[in-house]
Amino acid sequence: MKITRKHVAVGGLVVALSAGGVGAAVAAGGGEDAREQVSGPGADKARGAALAAHPGTANSVERDGENGATWEVEITGNDGKTVDVRLDENYKVVVIEGDGGDSHEGEGGGE
């Protein structure tokens, strides 16, 4: 069988599409480990609002979708305990969740 340019081009296309499919599958993987820290004016505002509600050190700021929240800020409080402060799109506290599963609903009316 004689290999032509057409065969080489089709083979290259198949390899490229396969690699692209694998990349798309990895990117769409998601889950807890896929969340990434964000930065910018919105993240800065979320950090400030979370620290006002729970003083300490902000460890990370992420976009969130749990409990009706838009932002999640992980804070190590002045007492040394770590909590997740979840905020809505208006930077109002939805809930503050501690390491031990204890939570406090915020002024944002979280349910």
PDB file of N, CA and C in Angstrom:
ATOM      1  N   MET A   1       0.846  -1.173   0.000  1.00  0.00           N
ATOM      2  CA  MET A   1       0.000   0.000   0.000  1.00  0.00           C
ATOM      3  C   MET A   1       0.892   1.237   0.000  1.00  0.00           C
ATOM      4  N   LYS A   2       0.561   2.159  -0.826  1.00  0.00           N
ATOM      5  CA  LYS A   2       1.328   3.389  -0.951  1.00  0.00           C
ATOM      6  C   LYS A   2       0.735   4.449  -0.022  1.00  0.00           C
ATOM      7  N   ILE A   3       1.569   5.051   0.829  1.00  0.00           N
ATOM      8  CA  ILE A   3       1.114   6.100   1.739  1.00  0.00           C
ATOM      9  C   ILE A   3       1.205   7.432   1.005  1.00  0.00           C
ATOM     10  N   THR A   4       0.074   8.126   0.970  1.00  0.00           N
ATOM     11  CA  THR A   4       0.019   9.410   0.271  1.00  0.00           C
ATOM     12  C   THR A   4      -0.079  10.550   1.272  1.00  0.00           C
ATOM     13  N   ARG A   5       0.058  11.731   0.755  1.00  0.00           N
ATOM     14  CA  ARG A   5      -0.095  12.918   1.610  1.00  0.00           C
ATOM     15  C   ARG A   5      -1.467  12.924   2.266  1.00  0.00           C
ATOM     16  N   LYS A   6      -2.448  12.451   1.535  1.00  0.00           N
ATOM     17  CA  LYS A   6      -3.813  12.417   2.064  1.00  0.00           C
ATOM     18  C   LYS A   6      -3.873  11.543   3.323  1.00  0.00           C
ATOM     19  N   HIS A   7      -3.232  10.379   3.292  1.00  0.00           N
ATOM     20  CA  HIS A   7      -3.223   9.489   4.448  1.00  0.00           C
ATOM     21  C   HIS A   7      -2.516  10.136   5.637  1.00  0.00           C
ATOM     22  N   VAL A   8      -1.396  10.789   5.364  1.00  0.00           N
ATOM     23  CA  VAL A   8      -0.646  11.452   6.432  1.00  0.00           C
ATOM     24  C   VAL A   8      -1.472  12.585   7.041  1.00  0.00           C
ATOM     25  N   ALA A   9      -2.139  13.360   6.201  1.00  0.00           N
ATOM     26  CA  ALA A   9      -2.958  14.472   6.683  1.00  0.00           C
ATOM     27  C   ALA A   9      -4.116  13.964   7.530  1.00  0.00           C
ATOM     28  N   VAL A  10      -4.787  12.914   7.083  1.00  0.00           N
ATOM     29  CA  VAL A  10      -5.910  12.355   7.848  1.00  0.00           C
ATOM     30  C   VAL A  10      -5.411  11.802   9.181  1.00  0.00           C
ATOM     31  N   GLY A  11      -4.273  11.118   9.173  1.00  0.00           N
ATOM     32  CA  GLY A  11      -3.702  10.582  10.413  1.00  0.00           C
ATOM     33  C   GLY A  11      -3.354  11.689  11.385  1.00  0.00           C
ATOM     34  N   GLY A  12      -2.765  12.762  10.880  1.00  0.00           N
ATOM     35  CA  GLY A  12      -2.433  13.900  11.732  1.00  0.00           C
ATOM     36  C   GLY A  12      -3.672  14.545  12.321  1.00  0.00           C
ATOM     37  N   LEU A  13      -4.719  14.631  11.524  1.00  0.00           N
ATOM     38  CA  LEU A  13      -5.976  15.207  11.990  1.00  0.00           C
ATOM     39  C   LEU A  13      -6.586  14.362  13.107  1.00  0.00           C
ATOM     40  N   VAL A  14      -6.543  13.046  12.951  1.00  0.00           N
ATOM     41  CA  VAL A  14      -7.085  12.142  13.977  1.00  0.00           C
ATOM     42  C   VAL A  14      -6.319  12.316  15.286  1.00  0.00           C
ATOM     43  N   VAL A  15      -5.001  12.389  15.221  1.00  0.00           N
ATOM     44  CA  VAL A  15      -4.189  12.572  16.426  1.00  0.00           C
ATOM     45  C   VAL A  15      -4.511  13.902  17.091  1.00  0.00           C
ATOM     46  N   ALA A  16      -4.625  14.972  16.293  1.00  0.00           N
ATOM     47  CA  ALA A  16      -4.914  16.298  16.842  1.00  0.00           C
ATOM     48  C   ALA A  16      -6.284  16.329  17.511  1.00  0.00           C
ATOM     49  N   LEU A  17      -7.276  15.742  16.871  1.00  0.00           N
ATOM     50  CA  LEU A  17      -8.625  15.722  17.457  1.00  0.00           C
ATOM     51  C   LEU A  17      -8.664  14.893  18.732  1.00  0.00           C
ATOM     52  N   SER A  18      -7.942  13.788  18.754  1.00  0.00           N
ATOM     53  CA  SER A  18      -7.894  12.960  19.962  1.00  0.00           C
ATOM     54  C   SER A  18      -7.262  13.723  21.116  1.00  0.00           C
ATOM     55  N   ALA A  19      -6.164  14.397  20.853  1.00  0.00           N
ATOM     56  CA  ALA A  19      -5.493  15.177  21.897  1.00  0.00           C
ATOM     57  C   ALA A  19      -6.396  16.295  22.391  1.00  0.00           C
ATOM     58  N   GLY A  20      -7.108  16.943  21.491  1.00  0.00           N
ATOM     59  CA  GLY A  20      -8.034  18.003  21.874  1.00  0.00           C
ATOM     60  C   GLY A  20      -9.162  17.472  22.731  1.00  0.00           C
ATOM     61  N   GLY A  21      -9.657  16.287  22.411  1.00  0.00           N
ATOM     62  CA  GLY A  21     -10.730  15.666  23.197  1.00  0.00           C
ATOM     63  C   GLY A  21     -10.282  15.352  24.610  1.00  0.00           C
ATOM     64  N   VAL A  22      -9.061  14.846  24.750  1.00  0.00           N
ATOM     65  CA  VAL A  22      -8.524  14.550  26.079  1.00  0.00           C
ATOM     66  C   VAL A  22      -8.375  15.840  26.873  1.00  0.00           C
ATOM     67  N   GLY A  23      -7.871  16.895  26.225  1.00  0.00           N
ATOM     68  CA  GLY A  23      -7.714  18.184  26.904  1.00  0.00           C
ATOM     69  C   GLY A  23      -9.038  18.740  27.365  1.00  0.00           C
ATOM     70  N   ALA A  24     -10.060  18.630  26.537  1.00  0.00           N
ATOM     71  CA  ALA A  24     -11.386  19.121  26.904  1.00  0.00           C
ATOM     72  C   ALA A  24     -11.952  18.322  28.067  1.00  0.00           C
ATOM     73  N   ALA A  25     -11.732  17.019  28.078  1.00  0.00           N
ATOM     74  CA  ALA A  25     -12.236  16.179  29.168  1.00  0.00           C
ATOM     75  C   ALA A  25     -11.561  16.545  30.485  1.00  0.00           C
ATOM     76  N   VAL A  26     -10.264  16.791  30.446  1.00  0.00           N
ATOM     77  CA  VAL A  26      -9.543  17.178  31.661  1.00  0.00           C
ATOM     78  C   VAL A  26     -10.019  18.543  32.143  1.00  0.00           C
ATOM     79  N   ALA A  27     -10.201  19.488  31.232  1.00  0.00           N
ATOM     80  CA  ALA A  27     -10.643  20.831  31.605  1.00  0.00           C
ATOM     81  C   ALA A  27     -12.045  20.813  32.184  1.00  0.00           C
ATOM     82  N   ALA A  28     -12.895  19.946  31.696  1.00  0.00           N
ATOM     83  CA  ALA A  28     -14.271  19.871  32.171  1.00  0.00           C
ATOM     84  C   ALA A  28     -14.392  19.014  33.417  1.00  0.00           C
ATOM     85  N   GLY A  29     -13.275  18.459  33.880  1.00  0.00           N
ATOM     86  CA  GLY A  29     -13.279  17.539  35.012  1.00  0.00           C
ATOM     87  C   GLY A  29     -14.009  18.084  36.219  1.00  0.00           C
ATOM     88  N   GLY A  30     -13.691  19.278  36.675  1.00  0.00           N
ATOM     89  CA  GLY A  30     -14.397  19.917  37.779  1.00  0.00           C
ATOM     90  C   GLY A  30     -14.189  19.215  39.101  1.00  0.00           C
ATOM     91  N   GLY A  31     -15.145  19.418  40.011  1.00  0.00           N
ATOM     92  CA  GLY A  31     -15.069  18.855  41.342  1.00  0.00           C
ATOM     93  C   GLY A  31     -14.375  19.810  42.302  1.00  0.00           C
ATOM     94  N   GLU A  32     -14.261  19.396  43.554  1.00  0.00           N
ATOM     95  CA  GLU A  32     -13.654  20.226  44.592  1.00  0.00           C
ATOM     96  C   GLU A  32     -12.236  20.653  44.241  1.00  0.00           C
ATOM     97  N   ASP A  33     -11.445  19.736  43.679  1.00  0.00           N
ATOM     98  CA  ASP A  33     -10.052  20.038  43.403  1.00  0.00           C
ATOM     99  C   ASP A  33      -9.883  21.010  42.243  1.00  0.00           C
ATOM    100  N   ALA A  34     -10.933  21.218  41.448  1.00  0.00           N
ATOM    101  CA  ALA A  34     -10.814  22.061  40.268  1.00  0.00           C
ATOM    102  C   ALA A  34     -11.007  23.542  40.590  1.00  0.00           C
ATOM    103  N   ARG A  35     -11.476  23.845  41.781  1.00  0.00           N
ATOM    104  CA  ARG A  35     -11.700  25.251  42.125  1.00  0.00           C
ATOM    105  C   ARG A  35     -10.371  25.971  42.224  1.00  0.00           C
ATOM    106  N   GLU A  36     -10.338  27.164  41.689  1.00  0.00           N
ATOM    107  CA  GLU A  36      -9.110  27.931  41.697  1.00  0.00           C
ATOM    108  C   GLU A  36      -9.340  29.255  42.396  1.00  0.00           C
ATOM    109  N   GLN A  37      -8.286  29.758  42.997  1.00  0.00           N
ATOM    110  CA  GLN A  37      -8.365  31.068  43.610  1.00  0.00           C
ATOM    111  C   GLN A  37      -8.534  32.116  42.520  1.00  0.00           C
ATOM    112  N   VAL A  38      -9.252  33.157  42.858  1.00  0.00           N
ATOM    113  CA  VAL A  38      -9.462  34.243  41.919  1.00  0.00           C
ATOM    114  C   VAL A  38      -8.887  35.531  42.493  1.00  0.00           C
ATOM    115  N   SER A  39      -8.650  36.482  41.608  1.00  0.00           N
ATOM    116  CA  SER A  39      -8.155  37.776  42.052  1.00  0.00           C
ATOM    117  C   SER A  39      -8.875  38.858  41.266  1.00  0.00           C
ATOM    118  N   GLY A  40      -8.641  40.088  41.641  1.00  0.00           N
ATOM    119  CA  GLY A  40      -9.281  41.208  40.975  1.00  0.00           C
ATOM    120  C   GLY A  40     -10.149  41.976  41.941  1.00  0.00           C
ATOM    121  N   PRO A  41     -10.825  43.014  41.431  1.00  0.00           N
ATOM    122  CA  PRO A  41     -11.626  43.879  42.303  1.00  0.00           C
ATOM    123  C   PRO A  41     -12.747  43.139  43.029  1.00  0.00           C
ATOM    124  N   GLY A  42     -13.415  42.221  42.353  1.00  0.00           N
ATOM    125  CA  GLY A  42     -14.494  41.468  42.999  1.00  0.00           C
ATOM    126  C   GLY A  42     -13.978  40.596  44.120  1.00  0.00           C
ATOM    127  N   ALA A  43     -12.857  39.925  43.879  1.00  0.00           N
ATOM    128  CA  ALA A  43     -12.258  39.073  44.909  1.00  0.00           C
ATOM    129  C   ALA A  43     -11.787  39.909  46.095  1.00  0.00           C
ATOM    130  N   ASP A  44     -11.238  41.086  45.803  1.00  0.00           N
ATOM    131  CA  ASP A  44     -10.797  41.974  46.886  1.00  0.00           C
ATOM    132  C   ASP A  44     -11.978  42.419  47.746  1.00  0.00           C
ATOM    133  N   LYS A  45     -13.094  42.716  47.093  1.00  0.00           N
ATOM    134  CA  LYS A  45     -14.293  43.135  47.821  1.00  0.00           C
ATOM    135  C   LYS A  45     -14.845  41.982  48.669  1.00  0.00           C
ATOM    136  N   ALA A  46     -14.815  40.765  48.103  1.00  0.00           N
ATOM    137  CA  ALA A  46     -15.267  39.583  48.846  1.00  0.00           C
ATOM    138  C   ALA A  46     -14.370  39.343  50.061  1.00  0.00           C
ATOM    139  N   ARG A  47     -13.068  39.467  49.882  1.00  0.00           N
ATOM    140  CA  ARG A  47     -12.118  39.287  50.988  1.00  0.00           C
ATOM    141  C   ARG A  47     -12.411  40.284  52.110  1.00  0.00           C
ATOM    142  N   GLY A  48     -12.621  41.551  51.738  1.00  0.00           N
ATOM    143  CA  GLY A  48     -12.904  42.571  52.740  1.00  0.00           C
ATOM    144  C   GLY A  48     -14.202  42.319  53.493  1.00  0.00           C
ATOM    145  N   ALA A  49     -15.249  41.927  52.771  1.00  0.00           N
ATOM    146  CA  ALA A  49     -16.534  41.654  53.410  1.00  0.00           C
ATOM    147  C   ALA A  49     -16.440  40.453  54.344  1.00  0.00           C
ATOM    148  N   ALA A  50     -15.714  39.412  53.910  1.00  0.00           N
ATOM    149  CA  ALA A  50     -15.576  38.217  54.742  1.00  0.00           C
ATOM    150  C   ALA A  50     -14.774  38.520  56.011  1.00  0.00           C
ATOM    151  N   LEU A  51     -13.710  39.300  55.869  1.00  0.00           N
ATOM    152  CA  LEU A  51     -12.896  39.655  57.044  1.00  0.00           C
ATOM    153  C   LEU A  51     -13.656  40.556  58.005  1.00  0.00           C
ATOM    154  N   ALA A  52     -14.573  41.371  57.483  1.00  0.00           N
ATOM    155  CA  ALA A  52     -15.401  42.197  58.354  1.00  0.00           C
ATOM    156  C   ALA A  52     -16.343  41.324  59.182  1.00  0.00           C
ATOM    157  N   ALA A  53     -16.802  40.221  58.587  1.00  0.00           N
ATOM    158  CA  ALA A  53     -17.719  39.320  59.282  1.00  0.00           C
ATOM    159  C   ALA A  53     -16.987  38.372  60.225  1.00  0.00           C
ATOM    160  N   HIS A  54     -15.745  38.014  59.858  1.00  0.00           N
ATOM    161  CA  HIS A  54     -14.976  37.056  60.661  1.00  0.00           C
ATOM    162  C   HIS A  54     -13.503  37.464  60.614  1.00  0.00           C
ATOM    163  N   PRO A  55     -13.057  38.293  61.569  1.00  0.00           N
ATOM    164  CA  PRO A  55     -11.671  38.800  61.545  1.00  0.00           C
ATOM    165  C   PRO A  55     -10.637  37.674  61.596  1.00  0.00           C
ATOM    166  N   GLY A  56      -9.543  37.897  60.890  1.00  0.00           N
ATOM    167  CA  GLY A  56      -8.452  36.933  60.849  1.00  0.00           C
ATOM    168  C   GLY A  56      -7.612  37.169  59.615  1.00  0.00           C
ATOM    169  N   THR A  57      -7.130  36.073  59.024  1.00  0.00           N
ATOM    170  CA  THR A  57      -6.312  36.130  57.818  1.00  0.00           C
ATOM    171  C   THR A  57      -7.009  35.376  56.705  1.00  0.00           C
ATOM    172  N   ALA A  58      -7.215  36.041  55.564  1.00  0.00           N
ATOM    173  CA  ALA A  58      -7.843  35.384  54.412  1.00  0.00           C
ATOM    174  C   ALA A  58      -6.804  34.523  53.715  1.00  0.00           C
ATOM    175  N   ASN A  59      -7.090  33.227  53.608  1.00  0.00           N
ATOM    176  CA  ASN A  59      -6.173  32.281  52.973  1.00  0.00           C
ATOM    177  C   ASN A  59      -6.428  32.147  51.479  1.00  0.00           C
ATOM    178  N   SER A  60      -7.699  32.225  51.071  1.00  0.00           N
ATOM    179  CA  SER A  60      -8.031  32.066  49.661  1.00  0.00           C
ATOM    180  C   SER A  60      -9.402  32.674  49.387  1.00  0.00           C
ATOM    181  N   VAL A  61      -9.601  33.050  48.121  1.00  0.00           N
ATOM    182  CA  VAL A  61     -10.885  33.554  47.644  1.00  0.00           C
ATOM    183  C   VAL A  61     -11.224  32.764  46.386  1.00  0.00           C
ATOM    184  N   GLU A  62     -12.429  32.193  46.362  1.00  0.00           N
ATOM    185  CA  GLU A  62     -12.849  31.390  45.219  1.00  0.00           C
ATOM    186  C   GLU A  62     -14.261  31.763  44.823  1.00  0.00           C
ATOM    187  N   ARG A  63     -14.611  31.496  43.574  1.00  0.00           N
ATOM    188  CA  ARG A  63     -16.008  31.586  43.147  1.00  0.00           C
ATOM    189  C   ARG A  63     -16.703  30.362  43.709  1.00  0.00           C
ATOM    190  N   ASP A  64     -17.964  30.492  44.085  1.00  0.00           N
ATOM    191  CA  ASP A  64     -18.653  29.406  44.773  1.00  0.00           C
ATOM    192  C   ASP A  64     -20.062  29.250  44.237  1.00  0.00           C
ATOM    193  N   GLY A  65     -20.653  28.104  44.468  1.00  0.00           N
ATOM    194  CA  GLY A  65     -22.020  27.858  44.066  1.00  0.00           C
ATOM    195  C   GLY A  65     -22.803  27.119  45.132  1.00  0.00           C
ATOM    196  N   GLU A  66     -22.222  26.947  46.317  1.00  0.00           N
ATOM    197  CA  GLU A  66     -22.904  26.215  47.388  1.00  0.00           C
ATOM    198  C   GLU A  66     -23.739  27.151  48.252  1.00  0.00           C
ATOM    199  N   ASN A  67     -24.861  26.664  48.726  1.00  0.00           N
ATOM    200  CA  ASN A  67     -25.733  27.387  49.653  1.00  0.00           C
ATOM    201  C   ASN A  67     -26.163  28.750  49.123  1.00  0.00           C
ATOM    202  N   GLY A  68     -26.295  28.897  47.810  1.00  0.00           N
ATOM    203  CA  GLY A  68     -26.720  30.168  47.234  1.00  0.00           C
ATOM    204  C   GLY A  68     -25.647  31.236  47.229  1.00  0.00           C
ATOM    205  N   ALA A  69     -24.408  30.831  47.474  1.00  0.00           N
ATOM    206  CA  ALA A  69     -23.310  31.797  47.546  1.00  0.00           C
ATOM    207  C   ALA A  69     -22.688  32.027  46.170  1.00  0.00           C
ATOM    208  N   THR A  70     -22.019  33.154  46.032  1.00  0.00           N
ATOM    209  CA  THR A  70     -21.269  33.492  44.829  1.00  0.00           C
ATOM    210  C   THR A  70     -19.776  33.450  45.104  1.00  0.00           C
ATOM    211  N   TRP A  71     -19.384  33.768  46.332  1.00  0.00           N
ATOM    212  CA  TRP A  71     -17.978  33.818  46.736  1.00  0.00           C
ATOM    213  C   TRP A  71     -17.753  32.935  47.955  1.00  0.00           C
ATOM    214  N   GLU A  72     -16.561  32.346  48.044  1.00  0.00           N
ATOM    215  CA  GLU A  72     -16.147  31.624  49.249  1.00  0.00           C
ATOM    216  C   GLU A  72     -14.771  32.144  49.639  1.00  0.00           C
ATOM    217  N   VAL A  73     -14.659  32.584  50.883  1.00  0.00           N
ATOM    218  CA  VAL A  73     -13.380  33.082  51.394  1.00  0.00           C
ATOM    219  C   VAL A  73     -12.997  32.212  52.585  1.00  0.00           C
ATOM    220  N   GLU A  74     -11.836  31.566  52.494  1.00  0.00           N
ATOM    221  CA  GLU A  74     -11.335  30.765  53.604  1.00  0.00           C
ATOM    222  C   GLU A  74     -10.524  31.675  54.514  1.00  0.00           C
ATOM    223  N   ILE A  75     -10.899  31.669  55.787  1.00  0.00           N
ATOM    224  CA  ILE A  75     -10.254  32.554  56.760  1.00  0.00           C
ATOM    225  C   ILE A  75      -9.770  31.737  57.952  1.00  0.00           C
ATOM    226  N   THR A  76      -8.542  32.012  58.372  1.00  0.00           N
ATOM    227  CA  THR A  76      -8.063  31.508  59.651  1.00  0.00           C
ATOM    228  C   THR A  76      -8.298  32.639  60.638  1.00  0.00           C
ATOM    229  N   GLY A  77      -9.218  32.389  61.557  1.00  0.00           N
ATOM    230  CA  GLY A  77      -9.616  33.414  62.511  1.00  0.00           C
ATOM    231  C   GLY A  77      -8.529  33.724  63.525  1.00  0.00           C
ATOM    232  N   ASN A  78      -8.735  34.787  64.268  1.00  0.00           N
ATOM    233  CA  ASN A  78      -7.788  35.177  65.315  1.00  0.00           C
ATOM    234  C   ASN A  78      -7.660  34.107  66.387  1.00  0.00           C
ATOM    235  N   ASP A  79      -8.656  33.209  66.467  1.00  0.00           N
ATOM    236  CA  ASP A  79      -8.613  32.096  67.421  1.00  0.00           C
ATOM    237  C   ASP A  79      -7.870  30.882  66.864  1.00  0.00           C
ATOM    238  N   GLY A  80      -7.387  30.973  65.601  1.00  0.00           N
ATOM    239  CA  GLY A  80      -6.638  29.875  64.985  1.00  0.00           C
ATOM    240  C   GLY A  80      -7.491  28.874  64.228  1.00  0.00           C
ATOM    241  N   LYS A  81      -8.800  28.996  64.319  1.00  0.00           N
ATOM    242  CA  LYS A  81      -9.694  28.070  63.622  1.00  0.00           C
ATOM    243  C   LYS A  81      -9.963  28.572  62.206  1.00  0.00           C
ATOM    244  N   THR A  82     -10.084  27.633  61.272  1.00  0.00           N
ATOM    245  CA  THR A  82     -10.333  27.975  59.880  1.00  0.00           C
ATOM    246  C   THR A  82     -11.816  27.835  59.559  1.00  0.00           C
ATOM    247  N   VAL A  83     -12.353  28.827  58.877  1.00  0.00           N
ATOM    248  CA  VAL A  83     -13.758  28.813  58.460  1.00  0.00           C
ATOM    249  C   VAL A  83     -13.852  29.200  56.986  1.00  0.00           C
ATOM    250  N   ASP A  84     -14.966  28.828  56.373  1.00  0.00           N
ATOM    251  CA  ASP A  84     -15.298  29.279  55.025  1.00  0.00           C
ATOM    252  C   ASP A  84     -16.438  30.270  55.156  1.00  0.00           C
ATOM    253  N   VAL A  85     -16.216  31.486  54.696  1.00  0.00           N
ATOM    254  CA  VAL A  85     -17.259  32.505  54.700  1.00  0.00           C
ATOM    255  C   VAL A  85     -17.813  32.556  53.289  1.00  0.00           C
ATOM    256  N   ARG A  86     -19.106  32.252  53.144  1.00  0.00           N
ATOM    257  CA  ARG A  86     -19.747  32.278  51.831  1.00  0.00           C
ATOM    258  C   ARG A  86     -20.577  33.550  51.711  1.00  0.00           C
ATOM    259  N   LEU A  87     -20.404  34.233  50.581  1.00  0.00           N
ATOM    260  CA  LEU A  87     -21.047  35.525  50.337  1.00  0.00           C
ATOM    261  C   LEU A  87     -21.905  35.449  49.076  1.00  0.00           C
ATOM    262  N   ASP A  88     -22.973  36.249  49.047  1.00  0.00           N
ATOM    263  CA  ASP A  88     -23.793  36.310  47.834  1.00  0.00           C
ATOM    264  C   ASP A  88     -23.217  37.313  46.852  1.00  0.00           C
ATOM    265  N   GLU A  89     -23.924  37.551  45.751  1.00  0.00           N
ATOM    266  CA  GLU A  89     -23.423  38.454  44.707  1.00  0.00           C
ATOM    267  C   GLU A  89     -23.312  39.901  45.174  1.00  0.00           C
ATOM    268  N   ASN A  90     -23.978  40.243  46.288  1.00  0.00           N
ATOM    269  CA  ASN A  90     -23.911  41.591  46.864  1.00  0.00           C
ATOM    270  C   ASN A  90     -22.922  41.667  48.021  1.00  0.00           C
ATOM    271  N   TYR A  91     -22.112  40.611  48.179  1.00  0.00           N
ATOM    272  CA  TYR A  91     -21.078  40.536  49.215  1.00  0.00           C
ATOM    273  C   TYR A  91     -21.667  40.519  50.616  1.00  0.00           C
ATOM    274  N   LYS A  92     -22.870  39.977  50.749  1.00  0.00           N
ATOM    275  CA  LYS A  92     -23.502  39.773  52.054  1.00  0.00           C
ATOM    276  C   LYS A  92     -23.253  38.333  52.476  1.00  0.00           C
ATOM    277  N   VAL A  93     -23.015  38.112  53.759  1.00  0.00           N
ATOM    278  CA  VAL A  93     -22.729  36.769  54.267  1.00  0.00           C
ATOM    279  C   VAL A  93     -23.962  35.884  54.108  1.00  0.00           C
ATOM    280  N   VAL A  94     -23.744  34.719  53.497  1.00  0.00           N
ATOM    281  CA  VAL A  94     -24.792  33.710  53.384  1.00  0.00           C
ATOM    282  C   VAL A  94     -24.662  32.735  54.547  1.00  0.00           C
ATOM    283  N   VAL A  95     -23.442  32.258  54.769  1.00  0.00           N
ATOM    284  CA  VAL A  95     -23.189  31.309  55.851  1.00  0.00           C
ATOM    285  C   VAL A  95     -21.694  31.319  56.166  1.00  0.00           C
ATOM    286  N   ILE A  96     -21.375  31.017  57.425  1.00  0.00           N
ATOM    287  CA  ILE A  96     -19.989  30.821  57.840  1.00  0.00           C
ATOM    288  C   ILE A  96     -19.893  29.390  58.335  1.00  0.00           C
ATOM    289  N   GLU A  97     -19.047  28.593  57.673  1.00  0.00           N
ATOM    290  CA  GLU A  97     -18.906  27.180  58.023  1.00  0.00           C
ATOM    291  C   GLU A  97     -17.533  26.924  58.611  1.00  0.00           C
ATOM    292  N   GLY A  98     -17.522  26.249  59.767  1.00  0.00           N
ATOM    293  CA  GLY A  98     -16.268  25.918  60.425  1.00  0.00           C
ATOM    294  C   GLY A  98     -15.772  24.554  60.018  1.00  0.00           C
ATOM    295  N   ASP A  99     -14.553  24.229  60.441  1.00  0.00           N
ATOM    296  CA  ASP A  99     -13.954  22.925  60.149  1.00  0.00           C
ATOM    297  C   ASP A  99     -14.796  21.777  60.681  1.00  0.00           C
ATOM    298  N   GLY A 100     -15.391  21.969  61.837  1.00  0.00           N
ATOM    299  CA  GLY A 100     -16.142  20.894  62.473  1.00  0.00           C
ATOM    300  C   GLY A 100     -17.554  20.739  61.956  1.00  0.00           C
ATOM    301  N   GLY A 101     -17.911  21.438  60.879  1.00  0.00           N
ATOM    302  CA  GLY A 101     -19.251  21.320  60.325  1.00  0.00           C
ATOM    303  C   GLY A 101     -20.238  22.287  60.944  1.00  0.00           C
ATOM    304  N   ASP A 102     -19.807  23.067  61.959  1.00  0.00           N
ATOM    305  CA  ASP A 102     -20.721  24.047  62.535  1.00  0.00           C
ATOM    306  C   ASP A 102     -20.870  25.198  61.556  1.00  0.00           C
ATOM    307  N   SER A 103     -22.072  25.749  61.506  1.00  0.00           N
ATOM    308  CA  SER A 103     -22.294  26.856  60.569  1.00  0.00           C
ATOM    309  C   SER A 103     -23.175  27.902  61.219  1.00  0.00           C
ATOM    310  N   HIS A 104     -23.009  29.103  60.758  1.00  0.00           N
ATOM    311  CA  HIS A 104     -23.784  30.239  61.249  1.00  0.00           C
ATOM    312  C   HIS A 104     -24.340  30.966  60.049  1.00  0.00           C
ATOM    313  N   GLU A 105     -25.670  31.110  60.027  1.00  0.00           N
ATOM    314  CA  GLU A 105     -26.255  31.843  58.919  1.00  0.00           C
ATOM    315  C   GLU A 105     -25.922  33.315  59.086  1.00  0.00           C
ATOM    316  N   GLY A 106     -25.690  33.961  57.953  1.00  0.00           N
ATOM    317  CA  GLY A 106     -25.301  35.356  58.003  1.00  0.00           C
ATOM    318  C   GLY A 106     -26.462  36.297  57.848  1.00  0.00           C
ATOM    319  N   GLU A 107     -26.129  37.573  57.813  1.00  0.00           N
ATOM    320  CA  GLU A 107     -27.138  38.609  57.696  1.00  0.00           C
ATOM    321  C   GLU A 107     -27.797  38.624  56.335  1.00  0.00           C
ATOM    322  N   GLY A 108     -27.250  37.863  55.383  1.00  0.00           N
ATOM    323  CA  GLY A 108     -27.805  37.819  54.041  1.00  0.00           C
ATOM    324  C   GLY A 108     -29.044  36.970  53.942  1.00  0.00           C
ATOM    325  N   GLY A 109     -29.459  36.354  55.040  1.00  0.00           N
ATOM    326  CA  GLY A 109     -30.694  35.562  55.042  1.00  0.00           C
ATOM    327  C   GLY A 109     -30.517  34.196  54.426  1.00  0.00           C
ATOM    328  N   GLY A 110     -29.353  33.577  54.562  1.00  0.00           N
ATOM    329  CA  GLY A 110     -29.131  32.251  54.006  1.00  0.00           C
ATOM    330  C   GLY A 110     -30.056  31.230  54.618  1.00  0.00           C
ATOM    331  N   GLU A 111     -30.480  30.301  53.808  1.00  0.00           N
ATOM    332  CA  GLU A 111     -31.410  29.282  54.298  1.00  0.00           C
ATOM    333  C   GLU A 111     -30.851  27.906  54.094  1.00  0.00           C
TER     334      GLU A 111
END
